[in-house]
PDB file of N, CA and C in Angstrom:
ATOM      1  N   MET A   1      82.390 -53.988 -78.934  1.00  0.00           N
ATOM      2  CA  MET A   1      81.155 -53.529 -79.344  1.00  0.00           C
ATOM      3  C   MET A   1      81.085 -53.406 -80.682  1.00  0.00           C
ATOM      4  N   GLU A   2      80.103 -54.027 -81.106  1.00  0.00           N
ATOM      5  CA  GLU A   2      79.624 -53.954 -82.888  1.00  0.00           C
ATOM      6  C   GLU A   2      80.615 -53.476 -83.945  1.00  0.00           C
ATOM      7  N   SER A   3      79.988 -51.959 -83.192  1.00  0.00           N
ATOM      8  CA  SER A   3      80.355 -50.537 -84.108  1.00  0.00           C
ATOM      9  C   SER A   3      82.014 -50.385 -84.245  1.00  0.00           C
ATOM     10  N   THR A   4      82.421 -50.873 -83.573  1.00  0.00           N
ATOM     11  CA  THR A   4      83.922 -50.516 -83.505  1.00  0.00           C
ATOM     12  C   THR A   4      84.571 -51.669 -84.052  1.00  0.00           C
ATOM     13  N   ALA A   5      83.987 -52.577 -84.495  1.00  0.00           N
ATOM     14  CA  ALA A   5      85.089 -53.622 -85.300  1.00  0.00           C
ATOM     15  C   ALA A   5      85.434 -53.218 -86.345  1.00  0.00           C
ATOM     16  N   LYS A   6      86.230 -53.333 -87.084  1.00  0.00           N
ATOM     17  CA  LYS A   6      87.045 -53.149 -88.069  1.00  0.00           C
ATOM     18  C   LYS A   6      86.463 -53.643 -89.606  1.00  0.00           C
ATOM     19  N   ASP A   7      86.467 -52.963 -90.158  1.00  0.00           N
ATOM     20  CA  ASP A   7      85.747 -53.257 -91.620  1.00  0.00           C
ATOM     21  C   ASP A   7      87.027 -53.903 -92.612  1.00  0.00           C
ATOM     22  N   VAL A   8      86.822 -55.272 -92.809  1.00  0.00           N
ATOM     23  CA  VAL A   8      88.094 -55.515 -93.248  1.00  0.00           C
ATOM     24  C   VAL A   8      88.524 -55.173 -94.747  1.00  0.00           C
ATOM     25  N   SER A   9      87.411 -54.556 -95.638  1.00  0.00           N
ATOM     26  CA  SER A   9      87.643 -54.216 -96.639  1.00  0.00           C
ATOM     27  C   SER A   9      88.136 -52.697 -96.591  1.00  0.00           C
ATOM     28  N   ILE A  10      88.070 -51.828 -95.641  1.00  0.00           N
ATOM     29  CA  ILE A  10      89.067 -50.455 -95.858  1.00  0.00           C
ATOM     30  C   ILE A  10      89.798 -50.310 -94.373  1.00  0.00           C
ATOM     31  N   GLY A  11      89.710 -51.371 -93.564  1.00  0.00           N
ATOM     32  CA  GLY A  11      90.625 -51.115 -92.281  1.00  0.00           C
ATOM     33  C   GLY A  11      90.172 -49.864 -91.658  1.00  0.00           C
ATOM     34  N   LYS A  12      89.250 -49.657 -91.540  1.00  0.00           N
ATOM     35  CA  LYS A  12      88.483 -48.597 -90.706  1.00  0.00           C
ATOM     36  C   LYS A  12      87.336 -48.819 -90.143  1.00  0.00           C
ATOM     37  N   PRO A  13      87.380 -48.276 -88.835  1.00  0.00           N
ATOM     38  CA  PRO A  13      86.047 -48.496 -87.456  1.00  0.00           C
ATOM     39  C   PRO A  13      84.685 -48.382 -88.236  1.00  0.00           C
ATOM     40  N   SER A  14      83.867 -48.973 -87.936  1.00  0.00           N
ATOM     41  CA  SER A  14      82.738 -48.572 -88.967  1.00  0.00           C
ATOM     42  C   SER A  14      82.248 -47.494 -87.782  1.00  0.00           C
ATOM     43  N   PRO A  15      81.160 -46.317 -88.436  1.00  0.00           N
ATOM     44  CA  PRO A  15      80.494 -45.454 -87.577  1.00  0.00           C
ATOM     45  C   PRO A  15      79.922 -45.966 -86.782  1.00  0.00           C
ATOM     46  N   PRO A  16      79.872 -44.904 -85.283  1.00  0.00           N
ATOM     47  CA  PRO A  16      79.127 -45.493 -84.100  1.00  0.00           C
ATOM     48  C   PRO A  16      77.561 -45.504 -84.505  1.00  0.00           C
ATOM     49  N   SER A  17      76.703 -46.462 -83.831  1.00  0.00           N
ATOM     50  CA  SER A  17      75.282 -46.654 -83.712  1.00  0.00           C
ATOM     51  C   SER A  17      74.830 -45.526 -83.164  1.00  0.00           C
ATOM     52  N   ARG A  18      73.428 -45.088 -83.455  1.00  0.00           N
ATOM     53  CA  ARG A  18      72.778 -43.913 -82.581  1.00  0.00           C
ATOM     54  C   ARG A  18      72.894 -43.856 -81.047  1.00  0.00           C
ATOM     55  N   ALA A  19      72.896 -45.245 -80.520  1.00  0.00           N
ATOM     56  CA  ALA A  19      73.007 -45.431 -79.223  1.00  0.00           C
ATOM     57  C   ALA A  19      74.221 -44.883 -78.694  1.00  0.00           C
ATOM     58  N   GLU A  20      75.470 -45.388 -79.659  1.00  0.00           N
ATOM     59  CA  GLU A  20      76.809 -45.064 -79.005  1.00  0.00           C
ATOM     60  C   GLU A  20      76.858 -44.006 -79.105  1.00  0.00           C
ATOM     61  N   TRP A  21      76.332 -43.089 -80.320  1.00  0.00           N
ATOM     62  CA  TRP A  21      76.876 -41.689 -80.142  1.00  0.00           C
ATOM     63  C   TRP A  21      75.787 -40.978 -79.433  1.00  0.00           C
ATOM     64  N   ASN A  22      74.412 -41.203 -78.855  1.00  0.00           N
ATOM     65  CA  ASN A  22      74.253 -40.585 -77.706  1.00  0.00           C
ATOM     66  C   ASN A  22      74.522 -40.850 -76.570  1.00  0.00           C
ATOM     67  N   ARG A  23      75.411 -41.884 -76.244  1.00  0.00           N
ATOM     68  CA  ARG A  23      75.860 -42.149 -75.340  1.00  0.00           C
ATOM     69  C   ARG A  23      77.702 -41.385 -75.090  1.00  0.00           C
ATOM     70  N   ILE A  24      78.281 -41.105 -76.406  1.00  0.00           N
ATOM     71  CA  ILE A  24      79.169 -40.325 -76.539  1.00  0.00           C
ATOM     72  C   ILE A  24      79.074 -39.041 -76.335  1.00  0.00           C
ATOM     73  N   ALA A  25      78.182 -38.563 -77.057  1.00  0.00           N
ATOM     74  CA  ALA A  25      77.511 -37.456 -76.981  1.00  0.00           C
ATOM     75  C   ALA A  25      77.254 -36.821 -75.402  1.00  0.00           C
ATOM     76  N   GLU A  26      76.566 -37.378 -74.829  1.00  0.00           N
ATOM     77  CA  GLU A  26      76.244 -37.255 -73.314  1.00  0.00           C
ATOM     78  C   GLU A  26      77.417 -37.202 -72.375  1.00  0.00           C
ATOM     79  N   SER A  27      78.415 -37.905 -73.013  1.00  0.00           N
ATOM     80  CA  SER A  27      79.424 -38.035 -71.961  1.00  0.00           C
ATOM     81  C   SER A  27      80.084 -36.250 -71.374  1.00  0.00           C
ATOM     82  N   LYS A  28      81.333 -36.512 -70.094  1.00  0.00           N
ATOM     83  CA  LYS A  28      81.690 -35.640 -69.650  1.00  0.00           C
ATOM     84  C   LYS A  28      83.018 -35.253 -70.728  1.00  0.00           C
ATOM     85  N   ALA A  29      83.545 -35.852 -71.143  1.00  0.00           N
ATOM     86  CA  ALA A  29      84.886 -35.728 -72.241  1.00  0.00           C
ATOM     87  C   ALA A  29      84.185 -35.125 -73.508  1.00  0.00           C
ATOM     88  N   PHE A  30      83.295 -35.566 -74.030  1.00  0.00           N
ATOM     89  CA  PHE A  30      82.289 -34.798 -74.981  1.00  0.00           C
ATOM     90  C   PHE A  30      82.121 -33.196 -74.631  1.00  0.00           C
ATOM     91  N   ARG A  31      81.497 -33.133 -73.757  1.00  0.00           N
ATOM     92  CA  ARG A  31      80.641 -31.925 -73.499  1.00  0.00           C
ATOM     93  C   ARG A  31      81.669 -30.738 -72.970  1.00  0.00           C
ATOM     94  N   ASP A  32      82.922 -31.137 -72.415  1.00  0.00           N
ATOM     95  CA  ASP A  32      84.059 -30.623 -72.352  1.00  0.00           C
ATOM     96  C   ASP A  32      85.154 -30.005 -73.478  1.00  0.00           C
ATOM     97  N   LEU A  33      84.952 -31.026 -74.682  1.00  0.00           N
ATOM     98  CA  LEU A  33      85.586 -30.635 -76.011  1.00  0.00           C
ATOM     99  C   LEU A  33      84.729 -29.347 -76.861  1.00  0.00           C
ATOM    100  N   MET A  34      83.401 -29.771 -76.619  1.00  0.00           N
ATOM    101  CA  MET A  34      82.376 -29.118 -77.263  1.00  0.00           C
ATOM    102  C   MET A  34      82.795 -27.348 -76.506  1.00  0.00           C
ATOM    103  N   ALA A  35      83.072 -27.557 -75.042  1.00  0.00           N
ATOM    104  CA  ALA A  35      83.141 -26.303 -74.417  1.00  0.00           C
ATOM    105  C   ALA A  35      84.285 -25.548 -74.847  1.00  0.00           C
ATOM    106  N   VAL A  36      85.517 -26.090 -74.906  1.00  0.00           N
ATOM    107  CA  VAL A  36      87.162 -25.757 -75.388  1.00  0.00           C
ATOM    108  C   VAL A  36      86.363 -25.289 -76.570  1.00  0.00           C
ATOM    109  N   LYS A  37      85.747 -25.914 -77.585  1.00  0.00           N
ATOM    110  CA  LYS A  37      85.741 -25.373 -79.188  1.00  0.00           C
ATOM    111  C   LYS A  37      84.858 -24.084 -79.088  1.00  0.00           C
ATOM    112  N   LYS A  38      84.261 -23.953 -77.997  1.00  0.00           N
ATOM    113  CA  LYS A  38      83.270 -22.666 -77.941  1.00  0.00           C
ATOM    114  C   LYS A  38      84.289 -21.650 -77.507  1.00  0.00           C
ATOM    115  N   VAL A  39      84.971 -21.747 -76.733  1.00  0.00           N
ATOM    116  CA  VAL A  39      85.703 -20.689 -76.253  1.00  0.00           C
ATOM    117  C   VAL A  39      86.671 -19.964 -77.296  1.00  0.00           C
ATOM    118  N   PHE A  40      87.099 -20.944 -78.150  1.00  0.00           N
ATOM    119  CA  PHE A  40      88.009 -20.502 -79.010  1.00  0.00           C
ATOM    120  C   PHE A  40      87.202 -20.034 -80.413  1.00  0.00           C
ATOM    121  N   ILE A  41      86.090 -20.637 -80.683  1.00  0.00           N
ATOM    122  CA  ILE A  41      85.136 -19.936 -81.929  1.00  0.00           C
ATOM    123  C   ILE A  41      84.413 -19.105 -81.854  1.00  0.00           C
ATOM    124  N   VAL A  42      83.634 -19.022 -80.427  1.00  0.00           N
ATOM    125  CA  VAL A  42      82.876 -17.799 -80.400  1.00  0.00           C
ATOM    126  C   VAL A  42      83.898 -16.549 -80.205  1.00  0.00           C
ATOM    127  N   PRO A  43      84.786 -16.124 -79.387  1.00  0.00           N
ATOM    128  CA  PRO A  43      85.616 -15.055 -79.729  1.00  0.00           C
ATOM    129  C   PRO A  43      86.107 -14.649 -81.022  1.00  0.00           C
ATOM    130  N   ALA A  44      86.682 -15.644 -81.710  1.00  0.00           N
ATOM    131  CA  ALA A  44      86.943 -15.363 -82.889  1.00  0.00           C
ATOM    132  C   ALA A  44      85.982 -15.041 -83.773  1.00  0.00           C
ATOM    133  N   PHE A  45      84.940 -15.875 -84.062  1.00  0.00           N
ATOM    134  CA  PHE A  45      83.601 -15.329 -84.778  1.00  0.00           C
ATOM    135  C   PHE A  45      83.450 -13.583 -84.477  1.00  0.00           C
ATOM    136  N   ILE A  46      83.181 -13.566 -83.073  1.00  0.00           N
ATOM    137  CA  ILE A  46      82.828 -12.034 -82.769  1.00  0.00           C
ATOM    138  C   ILE A  46      84.098 -11.117 -83.159  1.00  0.00           C
ATOM    139  N   PHE A  47      85.211 -11.548 -83.105  1.00  0.00           N
ATOM    140  CA  PHE A  47      86.442 -10.305 -83.391  1.00  0.00           C
ATOM    141  C   PHE A  47      86.311 -10.291 -84.997  1.00  0.00           C
ATOM    142  N   PHE A  48      85.800 -11.286 -85.474  1.00  0.00           N
ATOM    143  CA  PHE A  48      85.993 -11.067 -87.350  1.00  0.00           C
ATOM    144  C   PHE A  48      84.706 -10.664 -87.880  1.00  0.00           C
ATOM    145  N   VAL A  49      83.715 -10.777 -87.311  1.00  0.00           N
ATOM    146  CA  VAL A  49      82.516  -9.821 -87.558  1.00  0.00           C
ATOM    147  C   VAL A  49      82.840  -8.167 -87.310  1.00  0.00           C
ATOM    148  N   VAL A  50      82.902  -8.083 -86.290  1.00  0.00           N
ATOM    149  CA  VAL A  50      83.547  -6.713 -85.798  1.00  0.00           C
ATOM    150  C   VAL A  50      84.345  -5.911 -86.747  1.00  0.00           C
ATOM    151  N   TYR A  51      85.373  -6.659 -87.040  1.00  0.00           N
ATOM    152  CA  TYR A  51      86.471  -6.415 -87.559  1.00  0.00           C
ATOM    153  C   TYR A  51      85.694  -6.443 -89.475  1.00  0.00           C
ATOM    154  N   TYR A  52      85.392  -6.848 -89.676  1.00  0.00           N
ATOM    155  CA  TYR A  52      84.866  -7.233 -91.469  1.00  0.00           C
ATOM    156  C   TYR A  52      83.567  -5.574 -91.284  1.00  0.00           C
ATOM    157  N   PHE A  53      82.976  -5.746 -90.311  1.00  0.00           N
ATOM    158  CA  PHE A  53      82.008  -4.665 -90.614  1.00  0.00           C
ATOM    159  C   PHE A  53      82.482  -3.251 -89.986  1.00  0.00           C
ATOM    160  N   ALA A  54      83.349  -3.105 -89.648  1.00  0.00           N
ATOM    161  CA  ALA A  54      84.320  -1.815 -89.131  1.00  0.00           C
ATOM    162  C   ALA A  54      84.929  -1.061 -90.330  1.00  0.00           C
ATOM    163  N   LEU A  55      85.238  -1.470 -91.454  1.00  0.00           N
ATOM    164  CA  LEU A  55      85.335  -1.051 -92.725  1.00  0.00           C
ATOM    165  C   LEU A  55      83.945  -0.242 -93.158  1.00  0.00           C
ATOM    166  N   PRO A  56      83.080  -0.669 -93.364  1.00  0.00           N
ATOM    167  CA  PRO A  56      81.870   0.025 -93.976  1.00  0.00           C
ATOM    168  C   PRO A  56      81.575   0.973 -92.944  1.00  0.00           C
ATOM    169  N   VAL A  57      81.807   0.939 -91.513  1.00  0.00           N
ATOM    170  CA  VAL A  57      81.109   1.417 -90.839  1.00  0.00           C
ATOM    171  C   VAL A  57      82.166   3.184 -90.726  1.00  0.00           C
ATOM    172  N   LEU A  58      83.630   2.597 -90.419  1.00  0.00           N
ATOM    173  CA  LEU A  58      84.103   3.638 -90.499  1.00  0.00           C
ATOM    174  C   LEU A  58      84.251   4.669 -91.986  1.00  0.00           C
ATOM    175  N   VAL A  59      84.050   3.829 -93.021  1.00  0.00           N
ATOM    176  CA  VAL A  59      84.218   4.670 -94.326  1.00  0.00           C
ATOM    177  C   VAL A  59      82.589   5.404 -94.309  1.00  0.00           C
ATOM    178  N   GLY A  60      81.456   5.024 -93.617  1.00  0.00           N
ATOM    179  CA  GLY A  60      80.486   6.025 -93.646  1.00  0.00           C
ATOM    180  C   GLY A  60      79.836   6.755 -92.629  1.00  0.00           C
ATOM    181  N   TYR A  61      80.796   6.792 -91.408  1.00  0.00           N
ATOM    182  CA  TYR A  61      80.989   7.755 -90.216  1.00  0.00           C
ATOM    183  C   TYR A  61      81.990   8.573 -89.922  1.00  0.00           C
ATOM    184  N   ALA A  62      83.636   7.800 -90.906  1.00  0.00           N
ATOM    185  CA  ALA A  62      84.301   8.779 -90.806  1.00  0.00           C
ATOM    186  C   ALA A  62      85.200   8.756 -92.187  1.00  0.00           C
ATOM    187  N   PRO A  63      84.603   9.344 -93.272  1.00  0.00           N
ATOM    188  CA  PRO A  63      85.329   9.296 -94.686  1.00  0.00           C
ATOM    189  C   PRO A  63      86.439  10.085 -94.786  1.00  0.00           C
ATOM    190  N   GLN A  64      86.715  10.892 -94.230  1.00  0.00           N
ATOM    191  CA  GLN A  64      87.742  11.988 -93.913  1.00  0.00           C
ATOM    192  C   GLN A  64      88.947  11.276 -93.725  1.00  0.00           C
ATOM    193  N   PHE A  65      88.834  10.513 -92.217  1.00  0.00           N
ATOM    194  CA  PHE A  65      89.836   9.628 -91.531  1.00  0.00           C
ATOM    195  C   PHE A  65      90.382   8.829 -92.747  1.00  0.00           C
ATOM    196  N   MET A  66      89.194   7.965 -93.131  1.00  0.00           N
ATOM    197  CA  MET A  66      89.724   6.952 -94.321  1.00  0.00           C
ATOM    198  C   MET A  66      90.271   7.196 -95.500  1.00  0.00           C
ATOM    199  N   ALA A  67      90.079   8.622 -95.800  1.00  0.00           N
ATOM    200  CA  ALA A  67      90.164   8.789 -97.185  1.00  0.00           C
ATOM    201  C   ALA A  67      92.148   9.481 -96.764  1.00  0.00           C
ATOM    202  N   THR A  68      92.421   9.091 -95.357  1.00  0.00           N
ATOM    203  CA  THR A  68      93.746   9.966 -95.362  1.00  0.00           C
ATOM    204  C   THR A  68      94.856   9.361 -96.259  1.00  0.00           C
ATOM    205  N   LYS A  69      95.764   9.626 -97.307  1.00  0.00           N
ATOM    206  CA  LYS A  69      96.468   8.832 -97.936  1.00  0.00           C
ATOM    207  C   LYS A  69      97.875   8.681 -97.050  1.00  0.00           C
ATOM    208  N   VAL A  70      98.051   7.386 -97.409  1.00  0.00           N
ATOM    209  CA  VAL A  70      99.374   6.620 -96.627  1.00  0.00           C
ATOM    210  C   VAL A  70     100.552   6.614 -97.829  1.00  0.00           C
ATOM    211  N   ALA A  71     100.025   6.422 -98.642  1.00  0.00           N
ATOM    212  CA  ALA A  71     101.181   6.265 -99.701  1.00  0.00           C
ATOM    213  C   ALA A  71     100.944   6.485-101.161  1.00  0.00           C
ATOM    214  N   GLY A  72     100.844   7.783-102.088  1.00  0.00           N
ATOM    215  CA  GLY A  72     100.359   8.215-103.159  1.00  0.00           C
ATOM    216  C   GLY A  72      98.733   8.074-102.947  1.00  0.00           C
ATOM    217  N   GLN A  73      98.104   7.135-104.268  1.00  0.00           N
ATOM    218  CA  GLN A  73      96.849   7.051-103.871  1.00  0.00           C
ATOM    219  C   GLN A  73      96.295   6.044-103.043  1.00  0.00           C
ATOM    220  N   VAL A  74      97.095   5.295-102.661  1.00  0.00           N
ATOM    221  CA  VAL A  74      96.593   4.317-101.364  1.00  0.00           C
ATOM    222  C   VAL A  74      96.416   5.389 -99.992  1.00  0.00           C
ATOM    223  N   ASN A  75      94.707   4.658 -99.549  1.00  0.00           N
ATOM    224  CA  ASN A  75      94.358   5.385 -98.210  1.00  0.00           C
ATOM    225  C   ASN A  75      94.248   4.181 -97.281  1.00  0.00           C
ATOM    226  N   LEU A  76      93.837   4.975 -96.174  1.00  0.00           N
ATOM    227  CA  LEU A  76      93.546   4.129 -94.784  1.00  0.00           C
ATOM    228  C   LEU A  76      92.272   2.842 -95.266  1.00  0.00           C
ATOM    229  N   ALA A  77      91.640   3.507 -96.473  1.00  0.00           N
ATOM    230  CA  ALA A  77      90.460   2.140 -96.111  1.00  0.00           C
ATOM    231  C   ALA A  77      90.852   1.258 -97.283  1.00  0.00           C
ATOM    232  N   TYR A  78      91.634   1.492 -98.219  1.00  0.00           N
ATOM    233  CA  TYR A  78      92.367   0.241 -99.155  1.00  0.00           C
ATOM    234  C   TYR A  78      93.266  -0.735 -97.698  1.00  0.00           C
ATOM    235  N   LEU A  79      93.968   0.206 -97.131  1.00  0.00           N
ATOM    236  CA  LEU A  79      95.006  -0.493 -96.603  1.00  0.00           C
ATOM    237  C   LEU A  79      93.650  -1.411 -95.537  1.00  0.00           C
ATOM    238  N   PHE A  80      93.108  -0.947 -94.816  1.00  0.00           N
ATOM    239  CA  PHE A  80      92.058  -1.652 -94.316  1.00  0.00           C
ATOM    240  C   PHE A  80      91.352  -3.163 -94.574  1.00  0.00           C
ATOM    241  N   ALA A  81      90.965  -2.489 -95.957  1.00  0.00           N
ATOM    242  CA  ALA A  81      90.410  -4.022 -96.584  1.00  0.00           C
ATOM    243  C   ALA A  81      91.261  -4.921 -96.761  1.00  0.00           C
ATOM    244  N   LEU A  82      92.286  -4.338 -97.171  1.00  0.00           N
ATOM    245  CA  LEU A  82      93.418  -5.862 -97.555  1.00  0.00           C
ATOM    246  C   LEU A  82      93.748  -6.018 -96.136  1.00  0.00           C
ATOM    247  N   SER A  83      93.915  -5.620 -95.007  1.00  0.00           N
ATOM    248  CA  SER A  83      94.233  -6.195 -93.757  1.00  0.00           C
ATOM    249  C   SER A  83      93.123  -6.905 -93.477  1.00  0.00           C
ATOM    250  N   GLN A  84      91.704  -7.234 -94.487  1.00  0.00           N
ATOM    251  CA  GLN A  84      91.047  -7.975 -93.620  1.00  0.00           C
ATOM    252  C   GLN A  84      91.070  -9.541 -94.611  1.00  0.00           C
ATOM    253  N   PHE A  85      92.217  -9.552 -95.593  1.00  0.00           N
ATOM    254  CA  PHE A  85      92.490 -10.551 -96.149  1.00  0.00           C
ATOM    255  C   PHE A  85      93.582 -11.369 -95.085  1.00  0.00           C
ATOM    256  N   PHE A  86      94.337 -10.515 -94.541  1.00  0.00           N
ATOM    257  CA  PHE A  86      95.451 -11.003 -93.621  1.00  0.00           C
ATOM    258  C   PHE A  86      94.982 -11.744 -92.388  1.00  0.00           C
ATOM    259  N   MET A  87      93.978 -10.991 -91.989  1.00  0.00           N
ATOM    260  CA  MET A  87      92.977 -11.134 -90.816  1.00  0.00           C
ATOM    261  C   MET A  87      92.466 -12.695 -90.378  1.00  0.00           C
ATOM    262  N   ALA A  88      91.552 -12.608 -92.208  1.00  0.00           N
ATOM    263  CA  ALA A  88      91.032 -14.267 -92.231  1.00  0.00           C
ATOM    264  C   ALA A  88      92.153 -15.397 -92.167  1.00  0.00           C
ATOM    265  N   TRP A  89      93.046 -14.868 -92.645  1.00  0.00           N
ATOM    266  CA  TRP A  89      94.601 -15.827 -92.634  1.00  0.00           C
ATOM    267  C   TRP A  89      94.909 -16.143 -91.699  1.00  0.00           C
ATOM    268  N   ILE A  90      94.963 -15.336 -90.601  1.00  0.00           N
ATOM    269  CA  ILE A  90      95.523 -15.136 -89.234  1.00  0.00           C
ATOM    270  C   ILE A  90      94.475 -16.304 -88.497  1.00  0.00           C
ATOM    271  N   ILE A  91      93.276 -15.844 -88.433  1.00  0.00           N
ATOM    272  CA  ILE A  91      92.221 -16.713 -87.838  1.00  0.00           C
ATOM    273  C   ILE A  91      92.347 -18.105 -88.357  1.00  0.00           C
ATOM    274  N   ALA A  92      92.524 -18.007 -89.308  1.00  0.00           N
ATOM    275  CA  ALA A  92      92.568 -19.629 -90.041  1.00  0.00           C
ATOM    276  C   ALA A  92      93.766 -20.172 -89.304  1.00  0.00           C
ATOM    277  N   ALA A  93      94.897 -19.956 -89.299  1.00  0.00           N
ATOM    278  CA  ALA A  93      95.916 -20.513 -88.835  1.00  0.00           C
ATOM    279  C   ALA A  93      95.808 -20.662 -87.106  1.00  0.00           C
ATOM    280  N   LEU A  94      95.146 -19.511 -86.894  1.00  0.00           N
ATOM    281  CA  LEU A  94      94.728 -20.160 -85.308  1.00  0.00           C
ATOM    282  C   LEU A  94      93.999 -21.323 -85.106  1.00  0.00           C
ATOM    283  N   TYR A  95      93.161 -21.238 -86.166  1.00  0.00           N
ATOM    284  CA  TYR A  95      92.155 -22.045 -85.604  1.00  0.00           C
ATOM    285  C   TYR A  95      92.977 -23.666 -85.754  1.00  0.00           C
ATOM    286  N   VAL A  96      93.439 -23.763 -87.047  1.00  0.00           N
ATOM    287  CA  VAL A  96      94.090 -24.696 -87.251  1.00  0.00           C
ATOM    288  C   VAL A  96      95.272 -25.267 -85.848  1.00  0.00           C
ATOM    289  N   ARG A  97      95.765 -24.405 -85.527  1.00  0.00           N
ATOM    290  CA  ARG A  97      96.394 -24.869 -84.467  1.00  0.00           C
ATOM    291  C   ARG A  97      95.601 -25.124 -83.277  1.00  0.00           C
ATOM    292  N   ALA A  98      94.455 -24.404 -83.083  1.00  0.00           N
ATOM    293  CA  ALA A  98      93.375 -25.132 -82.114  1.00  0.00           C
ATOM    294  C   ALA A  98      93.009 -26.387 -82.336  1.00  0.00           C
ATOM    295  N   ALA A  99      92.844 -26.434 -83.574  1.00  0.00           N
ATOM    296  CA  ALA A  99      91.670 -27.805 -83.739  1.00  0.00           C
ATOM    297  C   ALA A  99      93.042 -29.186 -84.047  1.00  0.00           C
ATOM    298  N   ASN A 100      94.266 -28.767 -83.969  1.00  0.00           N
ATOM    299  CA  ASN A 100      95.147 -29.810 -83.249  1.00  0.00           C
ATOM    300  C   ASN A 100      94.608 -30.369 -81.975  1.00  0.00           C
ATOM    301  N   GLY A 101      94.395 -29.507 -81.186  1.00  0.00           N
ATOM    302  CA  GLY A 101      93.902 -30.006 -79.618  1.00  0.00           C
ATOM    303  C   GLY A 101      92.905 -30.351 -80.042  1.00  0.00           C
ATOM    304  N   PHE A 102      91.889 -29.699 -80.709  1.00  0.00           N
ATOM    305  CA  PHE A 102      90.769 -30.552 -80.717  1.00  0.00           C
ATOM    306  C   PHE A 102      90.608 -32.072 -81.114  1.00  0.00           C
ATOM    307  N   ASP A 103      91.376 -32.144 -82.299  1.00  0.00           N
ATOM    308  CA  ASP A 103      91.499 -33.372 -82.708  1.00  0.00           C
ATOM    309  C   ASP A 103      92.483 -34.424 -81.791  1.00  0.00           C
ATOM    310  N   ARG A 104      93.042 -34.057 -81.117  1.00  0.00           N
ATOM    311  CA  ARG A 104      93.736 -34.694 -79.840  1.00  0.00           C
ATOM    312  C   ARG A 104      92.427 -35.505 -78.787  1.00  0.00           C
ATOM    313  N   LEU A 105      91.762 -34.491 -78.449  1.00  0.00           N
ATOM    314  CA  LEU A 105      90.840 -34.258 -77.217  1.00  0.00           C
ATOM    315  C   LEU A 105      89.836 -35.597 -78.244  1.00  0.00           C
ATOM    316  N   SER A 106      89.370 -35.493 -79.208  1.00  0.00           N
ATOM    317  CA  SER A 106      88.255 -36.227 -80.368  1.00  0.00           C
ATOM    318  C   SER A 106      88.664 -37.644 -80.116  1.00  0.00           C
ATOM    319  N   LYS A 107      90.182 -37.905 -80.506  1.00  0.00           N
ATOM    320  CA  LYS A 107      90.554 -39.098 -80.366  1.00  0.00           C
ATOM    321  C   LYS A 107      90.431 -39.796 -79.227  1.00  0.00           C
ATOM    322  N   ASP A 108      91.209 -39.345 -78.390  1.00  0.00           N
ATOM    323  CA  ASP A 108      90.452 -39.413 -76.656  1.00  0.00           C
ATOM    324  C   ASP A 108      89.278 -40.210 -76.565  1.00  0.00           C
ATOM    325  N   ILE A 109      88.508 -39.144 -77.121  1.00  0.00           N
ATOM    326  CA  ILE A 109      86.977 -39.612 -76.621  1.00  0.00           C
ATOM    327  C   ILE A 109      86.632 -40.689 -77.393  1.00  0.00           C
ATOM    328  N   LEU A 110      86.867 -40.905 -78.856  1.00  0.00           N
ATOM    329  CA  LEU A 110      86.728 -42.365 -79.559  1.00  0.00           C
ATOM    330  C   LEU A 110      87.212 -43.426 -78.754  1.00  0.00           C
ATOM    331  N   GLU A 111      88.787 -43.222 -78.695  1.00  0.00           N
ATOM    332  CA  GLU A 111      89.363 -44.378 -77.679  1.00  0.00           C
ATOM    333  C   GLU A 111      88.517 -44.911 -76.480  1.00  0.00           C
ATOM    334  N   LYS A 112      88.311 -44.324 -75.743  1.00  0.00           N
ATOM    335  CA  LYS A 112      87.227 -44.873 -74.318  1.00  0.00           C
ATOM    336  C   LYS A 112      86.172 -45.064 -75.240  1.00  0.00           C
ATOM    337  N   ALA A 113      85.490 -44.696 -76.325  1.00  0.00           N
ATOM    338  CA  ALA A 113      84.439 -45.264 -76.541  1.00  0.00           C
ATOM    339  C   ALA A 113      84.371 -46.554 -77.000  1.00  0.00           C
ATOM    340  N   GLU A 114      85.541 -47.219 -77.813  1.00  0.00           N
ATOM    341  CA  GLU A 114      85.955 -48.322 -78.246  1.00  0.00           C
ATOM    342  C   GLU A 114      86.335 -49.216 -77.383  1.00  0.00           C
ATOM    343  N   ASN A 115      86.788 -48.670 -76.237  1.00  0.00           N
ATOM    344  CA  ASN A 115      86.834 -49.520 -75.191  1.00  0.00           C
ATOM    345  C   ASN A 115      86.829 -48.926 -73.807  1.00  0.00           C
ATOM    346  N   PRO A 116      85.466 -49.104 -73.533  1.00  0.00           N
ATOM    347  CA  PRO A 116      84.914 -48.203 -71.861  1.00  0.00           C
ATOM    348  C   PRO A 116      85.663 -48.612 -70.948  1.00  0.00           C
ATOM    349  N   LYS A 117      86.110 -49.690 -70.880  1.00  0.00           N
ATOM    350  CA  LYS A 117      87.082 -50.454 -69.782  1.00  0.00           C
ATOM    351  C   LYS A 117      88.287 -50.066 -69.420  1.00  0.00           C
ATOM    352  N   GLY A 118      89.128 -49.165 -70.440  1.00  0.00           N
ATOM    353  CA  GLY A 118      90.356 -48.384 -70.588  1.00  0.00           C
ATOM    354  C   GLY A 118      91.291 -49.525 -71.285  1.00  0.00           C
ATOM    355  N   GLY A 119      91.191 -50.871 -71.180  1.00  0.00           N
ATOM    356  CA  GLY A 119      92.312 -51.669 -71.310  1.00  0.00           C
ATOM    357  C   GLY A 119      92.320 -51.787 -72.666  1.00  0.00           C
ATOM    358  N   LYS A 120      93.321 -51.828 -73.582  1.00  0.00           N
ATOM    359  CA  LYS A 120      93.446 -52.124 -75.039  1.00  0.00           C
ATOM    360  C   LYS A 120      93.960 -53.299 -75.484  1.00  0.00           C
TER     361      LYS A 120
END
């Protein structure tokens, strides 16, 4: 294929043409990759949005509970707000771990696109 020929100046494959991209995008392997990504991304997004908006909702509807002192002047609202930073880092770390799998699947798809007959 013309689009997978190596560019001598940089040693990387050239990007796929529109026709090749359409063929790749319509393949079962690509649709499976998108489905696998969706299985991770959608629940993670929903969880984080609910977690993020739980703080203002709880402060608005349960102010006495959120004002409960934990240590000195630190109350549950402050701890919950700080926990959002950690939750964002945890979700990011989980995504990085999942993305390694996505990258392997992507690499397989690209290798098949470069050599559709299976031989190397």
